[in-house]
């Protein structure tokens, strides 16, 4: 019984670390997409292209 408890404890510990790493990756991807859209919008404004509200550029 003690071995089962130790196994479950270790498994849940690694599962928690895995979930934390996945959460950090998701947040990093979201931030990266927002920064890229912001950079593209600024570049479009400097180039004189009209920027629509949804982030797509129009000529």
Protein backbone atom coordinates (compact mmCIF):
# COMPACT_ATOMS: atom_id res chain seq x y z
CA UNK A 1 0.00 0.00 0.00
CA UNK A 2 2.87 2.34 0.78
CA UNK A 3 4.38 1.78 -2.65
CA UNK A 4 1.08 2.65 -4.33
CA UNK A 5 0.81 5.89 -2.36
CA UNK A 6 4.39 6.81 -3.27
CA UNK A 7 3.74 6.03 -6.93
CA UNK A 8 0.56 8.11 -7.02
CA UNK A 9 2.36 10.96 -5.24
CA UNK A 10 5.21 10.94 -7.77
CA UNK A 11 2.81 10.62 -10.71
CA UNK A 12 0.71 13.58 -9.57
CA UNK A 13 3.84 15.61 -8.94
CA UNK A 14 5.11 15.05 -12.49
CA UNK A 15 1.62 15.65 -13.87
CA UNK A 16 1.49 19.01 -12.09
CA UNK A 17 4.88 20.00 -13.53
CA UNK A 18 3.72 18.94 -17.01
CA UNK A 19 0.52 20.99 -16.74
CA UNK A 20 2.53 24.01 -15.56
CA UNK A 21 4.93 23.74 -18.50
CA UNK A 22 2.04 23.44 -20.96
CA UNK A 23 0.39 26.52 -19.42
CA UNK A 24 3.62 28.52 -19.80
CA UNK A 25 3.92 27.46 -23.46
CA UNK A 26 0.32 28.46 -24.20
CA UNK A 27 0.77 31.87 -22.55
CA UNK A 28 4.03 32.43 -24.43
CA UNK A 29 2.35 31.61 -27.75
CA UNK A 30 -0.52 33.99 -27.05
CA UNK A 31 1.87 36.81 -26.12
CA UNK A 32 3.99 36.11 -29.21
CA UNK A 33 0.99 36.29 -31.53
CA UNK A 34 -0.16 39.57 -29.98
CA UNK A 35 3.32 41.10 -30.27
CA UNK A 36 3.63 39.98 -33.89
CA UNK A 37 0.24 41.44 -34.81
CA UNK A 38 1.20 44.69 -33.11
CA UNK A 39 4.52 44.81 -34.97
CA UNK A 40 2.82 44.08 -38.30
CA UNK A 41 0.23 46.81 -37.65
CA UNK A 42 2.95 49.35 -36.85
CA UNK A 43 4.89 48.39 -39.98
CA UNK A 44 1.74 48.72 -42.08
CA UNK A 45 1.04 52.18 -40.67
CA UNK A 46 4.59 53.26 -41.42
CA UNK A 47 4.28 51.91 -44.96
CA UNK A 48 1.02 53.82 -45.45
CA UNK A 49 -1.32 50.84 -45.65
CA UNK A 50 -4.79 51.10 -44.08
CA UNK A 51 -5.24 48.71 -41.14
CA UNK A 52 -8.68 47.25 -40.45
CA UNK A 53 -9.92 46.51 -36.93
CA UNK A 54 -9.61 42.73 -37.30
CA UNK A 55 -5.87 42.90 -37.95
CA UNK A 56 -6.02 42.20 -41.69
CA UNK A 57 -4.48 44.77 -43.99
CA UNK A 58 -6.29 46.33 -46.92
CA UNK A 59 -4.66 47.98 -49.92
